[in-house]
Amino acid sequence: MKRLFLLLFSFLVFSLLVLTPALATQGTVKDRLEDLRDARQEKLEIRREKHQQELEKLKLKRAEVAQMVATKQAQIREKVVERIKKVFAKILKRYLAALERLDKIANRIATRIDKLKEKGVDTSKAEVELAQSEALGAAAAQAIVDAQSAVDAIDSQSTSVSDAAHAARDATRSAKEALKKYHKGLVEAIRELKAARELREEAEESD
């Protein structure tokens, strides 16, 4: 009986000393494993969040750079368009100067016609050509004004460089063609005036 009691007591002591620490150790490892996994998951979440923040910063930086580039390009485009307008404005000033010179020539032709008429020269054809030239001169003056208005109307903030160049070129081309027609008309008036004078001189020589 005592031996049995001693065996049971020894078994209980063994269980307490050996099995219980083993079970306690198993539970600690599991908890530790879960803790490690929780910590790992937390680190992953932190890393994901940090990565997302970096992506947002990168997107924002790209957007800012794109905006800066767009703004710079817009400023450059605006300056180029303004330069185009100034160039064609100078061209139109030269056209105005040319128009004034042609008007002076027309005035001299008119004066010459009056002198020859006083001498009995038939200047009717020259007068017709001069009148037609005057109409062409008025058209040239209007074309220059219209061209200047077209150039001034070019919006440097919204018009592309290509569109600005085309618009200005088309406007000044019309003015240039009108000036050429005016000049040609005056040449015809001078030719008729010269022919009338020569005819008069021939008639006088014949007499």
C-alpha atoms as a PDB file:
ATOM      1  CA  MET A   1       0.000   0.000   0.000  1.00  0.00           C
ATOM      2  CA  LYS A   2       2.712   2.398   0.897  1.00  0.00           C
ATOM      3  CA  ARG A   3       4.538   1.392  -2.263  1.00  0.00           C
ATOM      4  CA  LEU A   4       1.474   2.214  -4.362  1.00  0.00           C
ATOM      5  CA  PHE A   5       1.091   5.530  -2.640  1.00  0.00           C
ATOM      6  CA  LEU A   6       4.729   6.317  -3.272  1.00  0.00           C
ATOM      7  CA  LEU A   7       4.317   5.428  -6.972  1.00  0.00           C
ATOM      8  CA  LEU A   8       1.290   7.701  -7.339  1.00  0.00           C
ATOM      9  CA  PHE A   9       3.042  10.488  -5.507  1.00  0.00           C
ATOM     10  CA  SER A  10       6.134  10.058  -7.687  1.00  0.00           C
ATOM     11  CA  PHE A  11       3.975  10.187 -10.833  1.00  0.00           C
ATOM     12  CA  LEU A  12       2.289  13.384  -9.720  1.00  0.00           C
ATOM     13  CA  VAL A  13       5.623  14.976  -8.930  1.00  0.00           C
ATOM     14  CA  PHE A  14       6.923  13.885 -12.339  1.00  0.00           C
ATOM     15  CA  SER A  15       3.882  15.333 -14.045  1.00  0.00           C
ATOM     16  CA  LEU A  16       4.262  18.625 -12.279  1.00  0.00           C
ATOM     17  CA  LEU A  17       7.967  18.843 -12.877  1.00  0.00           C
ATOM     18  CA  VAL A  18       8.159  17.548 -16.468  1.00  0.00           C
ATOM     19  CA  LEU A  19       4.823  17.665 -18.298  1.00  0.00           C
ATOM     20  CA  THR A  20       3.494  20.954 -16.971  1.00  0.00           C
ATOM     21  CA  PRO A  21       6.593  23.014 -18.016  1.00  0.00           C
ATOM     22  CA  ALA A  22       6.472  21.310 -21.404  1.00  0.00           C
ATOM     23  CA  LEU A  23       2.840  22.316 -21.905  1.00  0.00           C
ATOM     24  CA  ALA A  24       3.586  25.794 -20.646  1.00  0.00           C
ATOM     25  CA  THR A  25       6.508  26.041 -23.066  1.00  0.00           C
ATOM     26  CA  GLN A  26       4.283  24.896 -26.003  1.00  0.00           C
ATOM     27  CA  GLY A  27       1.717  27.592 -25.241  1.00  0.00           C
ATOM     28  CA  THR A  28       4.424  30.312 -25.093  1.00  0.00           C
ATOM     29  CA  VAL A  29       5.845  29.322 -28.480  1.00  0.00           C
ATOM     30  CA  LYS A  30       2.410  29.507 -30.087  1.00  0.00           C
ATOM     31  CA  ASP A  31       1.735  32.873 -28.543  1.00  0.00           C
ATOM     32  CA  ARG A  32       5.129  34.059 -29.617  1.00  0.00           C
ATOM     33  CA  LEU A  33       4.476  32.817 -33.155  1.00  0.00           C
ATOM     34  CA  GLU A  34       1.210  34.716 -33.239  1.00  0.00           C
ATOM     35  CA  ASP A  35       2.942  37.775 -31.895  1.00  0.00           C
ATOM     36  CA  LEU A  36       5.597  37.509 -34.578  1.00  0.00           C
ATOM     37  CA  ARG A  37       2.950  37.177 -37.254  1.00  0.00           C
ATOM     38  CA  ASP A  38       1.039  40.121 -35.860  1.00  0.00           C
ATOM     39  CA  ALA A  39       4.238  42.160 -35.822  1.00  0.00           C
ATOM     40  CA  ARG A  40       5.012  41.071 -39.366  1.00  0.00           C
ATOM     41  CA  GLN A  41       1.542  42.063 -40.532  1.00  0.00           C
ATOM     42  CA  GLU A  42       1.868  45.398 -38.789  1.00  0.00           C
ATOM     43  CA  LYS A  43       5.192  46.022 -40.493  1.00  0.00           C
ATOM     44  CA  LEU A  44       3.658  45.098 -43.833  1.00  0.00           C
ATOM     45  CA  GLU A  45       0.790  47.500 -43.278  1.00  0.00           C
ATOM     46  CA  ILE A  46       3.211  50.252 -42.297  1.00  0.00           C
ATOM     47  CA  ARG A  47       5.289  49.537 -45.373  1.00  0.00           C
ATOM     48  CA  ARG A  48       2.220  49.522 -47.615  1.00  0.00           C
ATOM     49  CA  GLU A  49       1.070  52.807 -46.141  1.00  0.00           C
ATOM     50  CA  LYS A  50       4.520  54.327 -46.576  1.00  0.00           C
ATOM     51  CA  HIS A  51       4.672  53.060 -50.149  1.00  0.00           C
ATOM     52  CA  GLN A  52       1.259  54.553 -50.862  1.00  0.00           C
ATOM     53  CA  GLN A  53       2.366  57.875 -49.409  1.00  0.00           C
ATOM     54  CA  GLU A  54       5.465  57.801 -51.587  1.00  0.00           C
ATOM     55  CA  LEU A  55       3.302  57.090 -54.632  1.00  0.00           C
ATOM     56  CA  GLU A  56       1.034  60.005 -53.786  1.00  0.00           C
ATOM     57  CA  LYS A  57       4.043  62.289 -53.353  1.00  0.00           C
ATOM     58  CA  LEU A  58       5.430  61.078 -56.677  1.00  0.00           C
ATOM     59  CA  LYS A  59       2.111  61.715 -58.438  1.00  0.00           C
ATOM     60  CA  LEU A  60       1.906  65.165 -56.886  1.00  0.00           C
ATOM     61  CA  LYS A  61       5.462  65.950 -57.926  1.00  0.00           C
ATOM     62  CA  ARG A  62       4.794  64.766 -61.462  1.00  0.00           C
ATOM     63  CA  ALA A  63       1.660  66.893 -61.604  1.00  0.00           C
ATOM     64  CA  GLU A  64       3.598  69.929 -60.351  1.00  0.00           C
ATOM     65  CA  VAL A  65       6.350  69.340 -62.903  1.00  0.00           C
ATOM     66  CA  ALA A  66       3.772  68.935 -65.672  1.00  0.00           C
ATOM     67  CA  GLN A  67       2.096  72.154 -64.578  1.00  0.00           C
ATOM     68  CA  MET A  68       5.418  73.978 -64.498  1.00  0.00           C
ATOM     69  CA  VAL A  69       6.292  72.669 -67.959  1.00  0.00           C
ATOM     70  CA  ALA A  70       2.853  73.629 -69.291  1.00  0.00           C
ATOM     71  CA  THR A  71       3.140  77.087 -67.751  1.00  0.00           C
ATOM     72  CA  LYS A  72       6.629  77.566 -69.156  1.00  0.00           C
ATOM     73  CA  GLN A  73       5.533  76.409 -72.581  1.00  0.00           C
ATOM     74  CA  ALA A  74       2.545  78.754 -72.437  1.00  0.00           C
ATOM     75  CA  GLN A  75       4.813  81.659 -71.513  1.00  0.00           C
ATOM     76  CA  ILE A  76       7.213  80.839 -74.330  1.00  0.00           C
ATOM     77  CA  ARG A  77       4.324  80.482 -76.800  1.00  0.00           C
ATOM     78  CA  GLU A  78       2.851  83.793 -75.678  1.00  0.00           C
ATOM     79  CA  LYS A  79       6.187  85.567 -76.160  1.00  0.00           C
ATOM     80  CA  VAL A  80       6.636  84.050 -79.619  1.00  0.00           C
ATOM     81  CA  VAL A  81       3.123  85.069 -80.669  1.00  0.00           C
ATOM     82  CA  GLU A  82       3.738  88.603 -79.404  1.00  0.00           C
ATOM     83  CA  ARG A  83       6.978  88.692 -81.388  1.00  0.00           C
ATOM     84  CA  ILE A  84       5.122  87.550 -84.503  1.00  0.00           C
ATOM     85  CA  LYS A  85       2.576  90.334 -84.020  1.00  0.00           C
ATOM     86  CA  LYS A  86       5.344  92.926 -83.675  1.00  0.00           C
ATOM     87  CA  VAL A  87       7.114  91.684 -86.806  1.00  0.00           C
ATOM     88  CA  PHE A  88       3.969  91.898 -88.921  1.00  0.00           C
ATOM     89  CA  ALA A  89       3.050  95.246 -87.361  1.00  0.00           C
ATOM     90  CA  LYS A  90       6.383  96.585 -88.647  1.00  0.00           C
ATOM     91  CA  ILE A  91       5.642  95.133 -92.080  1.00  0.00           C
ATOM     92  CA  LEU A  92       2.308  96.936 -92.120  1.00  0.00           C
ATOM     93  CA  LYS A  93       4.040 100.197 -91.158  1.00  0.00           C
ATOM     94  CA  ARG A  94       6.237  99.775 -94.223  1.00  0.00           C
ATOM     95  CA  TYR A  95       3.114  99.185 -96.293  1.00  0.00           C
ATOM     96  CA  LEU A  96       1.636 102.430 -94.948  1.00  0.00           C
ATOM     97  CA  ALA A  97       4.817 104.249 -95.923  1.00  0.00           C
ATOM     98  CA  ALA A  98       4.618 102.694 -99.393  1.00  0.00           C
ATOM     99  CA  LEU A  99       0.979 103.786 -99.657  1.00  0.00           C
ATOM    100  CA  GLU A 100       1.964 107.366 -98.834  1.00  0.00           C
ATOM    101  CA  ARG A 101       4.678 107.319-101.519  1.00  0.00           C
ATOM    102  CA  LEU A 102       2.203 106.044-104.089  1.00  0.00           C
ATOM    103  CA  ASP A 103      -0.280 108.741-103.075  1.00  0.00           C
ATOM    104  CA  LYS A 104       2.407 111.361-103.697  1.00  0.00           C
ATOM    105  CA  ILE A 105       3.073 109.883-107.120  1.00  0.00           C
ATOM    106  CA  ALA A 106      -0.661 110.042-107.864  1.00  0.00           C
ATOM    107  CA  ASN A 107      -0.683 113.700-106.841  1.00  0.00           C
ATOM    108  CA  ARG A 108       2.199 114.454-109.194  1.00  0.00           C
ATOM    109  CA  ILE A 109       0.412 112.659-112.005  1.00  0.00           C
ATOM    110  CA  ALA A 110      -2.710 114.742-111.355  1.00  0.00           C
ATOM    111  CA  THR A 111      -0.628 117.924-111.412  1.00  0.00           C
ATOM    112  CA  ARG A 112       0.998 116.868-114.683  1.00  0.00           C
ATOM    113  CA  ILE A 113      -2.389 116.121-116.220  1.00  0.00           C
ATOM    114  CA  ASP A 114      -3.641 119.589-115.308  1.00  0.00           C
ATOM    115  CA  LYS A 115      -0.597 121.234-116.914  1.00  0.00           C
ATOM    116  CA  LEU A 116      -0.920 119.222-120.100  1.00  0.00           C
ATOM    117  CA  LYS A 117      -4.650 119.948-120.304  1.00  0.00           C
ATOM    118  CA  GLU A 118      -3.856 123.634-120.141  1.00  0.00           C
ATOM    119  CA  LYS A 119      -1.685 123.120-123.204  1.00  0.00           C
ATOM    120  CA  GLY A 120      -4.513 121.423-125.025  1.00  0.00           C
ATOM    121  CA  VAL A 121      -3.276 117.841-124.644  1.00  0.00           C
ATOM    122  CA  ASP A 122      -5.957 115.158-124.584  1.00  0.00           C
ATOM    123  CA  THR A 123      -5.404 113.517-121.203  1.00  0.00           C
ATOM    124  CA  SER A 124      -8.744 111.722-120.957  1.00  0.00           C
ATOM    125  CA  LYS A 125      -7.235 108.224-120.972  1.00  0.00           C
ATOM    126  CA  ALA A 126      -4.700 109.186-118.316  1.00  0.00           C
ATOM    127  CA  GLU A 127      -7.479 110.687-116.214  1.00  0.00           C
ATOM    128  CA  VAL A 128      -9.468 107.452-116.407  1.00  0.00           C
ATOM    129  CA  GLU A 129      -6.432 105.416-115.379  1.00  0.00           C
ATOM    130  CA  LEU A 130      -5.717 107.819-112.514  1.00  0.00           C
ATOM    131  CA  ALA A 131      -9.315 107.599-111.272  1.00  0.00           C
ATOM    132  CA  GLN A 132      -9.129 103.824-111.353  1.00  0.00           C
ATOM    133  CA  SER A 133      -5.797 103.991-109.539  1.00  0.00           C
ATOM    134  CA  GLU A 134      -7.344 106.158-106.851  1.00  0.00           C
ATOM    135  CA  ALA A 135      -9.966 103.456-106.252  1.00  0.00           C
ATOM    136  CA  LEU A 136      -7.182 100.906-106.010  1.00  0.00           C
ATOM    137  CA  GLY A 137      -5.379 103.185-103.542  1.00  0.00           C
ATOM    138  CA  ALA A 138      -8.480 103.373-101.367  1.00  0.00           C
ATOM    139  CA  ALA A 139      -8.744  99.574-101.470  1.00  0.00           C
ATOM    140  CA  ALA A 140      -5.069  99.273-100.489  1.00  0.00           C
ATOM    141  CA  ALA A 141      -5.546 101.645 -97.555  1.00  0.00           C
ATOM    142  CA  GLN A 142      -8.540  99.637 -96.361  1.00  0.00           C
ATOM    143  CA  ALA A 143      -6.623  96.369 -96.780  1.00  0.00           C
ATOM    144  CA  ILE A 144      -3.823  97.700 -94.594  1.00  0.00           C
ATOM    145  CA  VAL A 145      -6.281  98.793 -91.906  1.00  0.00           C
ATOM    146  CA  ASP A 146      -7.997  95.399 -92.038  1.00  0.00           C
ATOM    147  CA  ALA A 147      -4.642  93.635 -91.819  1.00  0.00           C
ATOM    148  CA  GLN A 148      -3.641  95.682 -88.791  1.00  0.00           C
ATOM    149  CA  SER A 149      -6.951  94.861 -87.122  1.00  0.00           C
ATOM    150  CA  ALA A 150      -6.457  91.153 -87.868  1.00  0.00           C
ATOM    151  CA  VAL A 151      -2.944  91.189 -86.399  1.00  0.00           C
ATOM    152  CA  ASP A 152      -4.084  93.109 -83.317  1.00  0.00           C
ATOM    153  CA  ALA A 153      -6.932  90.633 -82.817  1.00  0.00           C
ATOM    154  CA  ILE A 154      -4.544  87.699 -82.443  1.00  0.00           C
ATOM    155  CA  ASP A 155      -4.793  86.561 -78.817  1.00  0.00           C
ATOM    156  CA  SER A 156      -1.297  85.735 -77.614  1.00  0.00           C
ATOM    157  CA  GLN A 157      -2.648  83.802 -74.629  1.00  0.00           C
ATOM    158  CA  SER A 158      -4.803  81.356 -76.572  1.00  0.00           C
ATOM    159  CA  THR A 159      -3.493  81.332 -80.150  1.00  0.00           C
ATOM    160  CA  SER A 160      -0.865  78.822 -81.183  1.00  0.00           C
ATOM    161  CA  VAL A 161       2.316  79.998 -82.853  1.00  0.00           C
ATOM    162  CA  SER A 162       1.338  78.335 -86.122  1.00  0.00           C
ATOM    163  CA  ASP A 163      -2.158  79.857 -86.170  1.00  0.00           C
ATOM    164  CA  ALA A 164      -0.790  83.288 -85.297  1.00  0.00           C
ATOM    165  CA  ALA A 165       1.754  83.139 -88.107  1.00  0.00           C
ATOM    166  CA  HIS A 166      -0.855  82.000 -90.642  1.00  0.00           C
ATOM    167  CA  ALA A 167      -3.369  84.661 -89.591  1.00  0.00           C
ATOM    168  CA  ALA A 168      -0.804  87.465 -89.735  1.00  0.00           C
ATOM    169  CA  ARG A 169       0.628  86.241 -93.041  1.00  0.00           C
ATOM    170  CA  ASP A 170      -2.810  86.003 -94.660  1.00  0.00           C
ATOM    171  CA  ALA A 171      -3.729  89.494 -93.465  1.00  0.00           C
ATOM    172  CA  THR A 172      -0.543  91.146 -94.729  1.00  0.00           C
ATOM    173  CA  ARG A 173      -0.677  89.217 -98.014  1.00  0.00           C
ATOM    174  CA  SER A 174      -3.972  90.883 -98.893  1.00  0.00           C
ATOM    175  CA  ALA A 175      -2.546  94.315 -98.108  1.00  0.00           C
ATOM    176  CA  LYS A 176       0.554  93.609-100.186  1.00  0.00           C
ATOM    177  CA  GLU A 177      -1.495  92.515-103.192  1.00  0.00           C
ATOM    178  CA  ALA A 178      -3.671  95.631-102.906  1.00  0.00           C
ATOM    179  CA  LEU A 179      -0.560  97.833-102.927  1.00  0.00           C
ATOM    180  CA  LYS A 180       0.743  96.065-106.019  1.00  0.00           C
ATOM    181  CA  LYS A 181      -2.529  96.738-107.829  1.00  0.00           C
ATOM    182  CA  TYR A 182      -2.384 100.395-106.829  1.00  0.00           C
ATOM    183  CA  HIS A 183       1.173 100.685-108.122  1.00  0.00           C
ATOM    184  CA  LYS A 184       0.254  98.963-111.359  1.00  0.00           C
ATOM    185  CA  GLY A 185      -2.671 101.341-111.847  1.00  0.00           C
ATOM    186  CA  LEU A 186      -0.409 104.360-111.422  1.00  0.00           C
ATOM    187  CA  VAL A 187       2.038 102.924-113.925  1.00  0.00           C
ATOM    188  CA  GLU A 188      -0.800 102.661-116.445  1.00  0.00           C
ATOM    189  CA  ALA A 189      -1.814 106.277-115.743  1.00  0.00           C
ATOM    190  CA  ILE A 190       1.771 107.433-116.319  1.00  0.00           C
ATOM    191  CA  ARG A 191       1.950 105.432-119.536  1.00  0.00           C
ATOM    192  CA  GLU A 192      -1.236 106.999-120.853  1.00  0.00           C
ATOM    193  CA  LEU A 193      -0.047 110.448-119.817  1.00  0.00           C
ATOM    194  CA  LYS A 194       3.266 109.934-121.585  1.00  0.00           C
ATOM    195  CA  ALA A 195       1.529 108.661-124.686  1.00  0.00           C
ATOM    196  CA  ALA A 196      -0.759 111.723-124.734  1.00  0.00           C
ATOM    197  CA  ARG A 197       2.211 114.061-124.405  1.00  0.00           C
ATOM    198  CA  GLU A 198       4.171 112.328-127.143  1.00  0.00           C
ATOM    199  CA  LEU A 199       1.124 112.417-129.393  1.00  0.00           C
ATOM    200  CA  ARG A 200       0.824 116.147-128.805  1.00  0.00           C
ATOM    201  CA  GLU A 201       4.512 116.699-129.546  1.00  0.00           C
ATOM    202  CA  GLU A 202       4.255 114.712-132.773  1.00  0.00           C
ATOM    203  CA  ALA A 203       1.241 116.752-133.783  1.00  0.00           C
ATOM    204  CA  GLU A 204       3.105 119.985-133.118  1.00  0.00           C
ATOM    205  CA  GLU A 205       6.110 118.796-135.114  1.00  0.00           C
ATOM    206  CA  SER A 206       3.864 117.891-138.000  1.00  0.00           C
ATOM    207  CA  ASP A 207       2.419 121.383-138.009  1.00  0.00           C
END
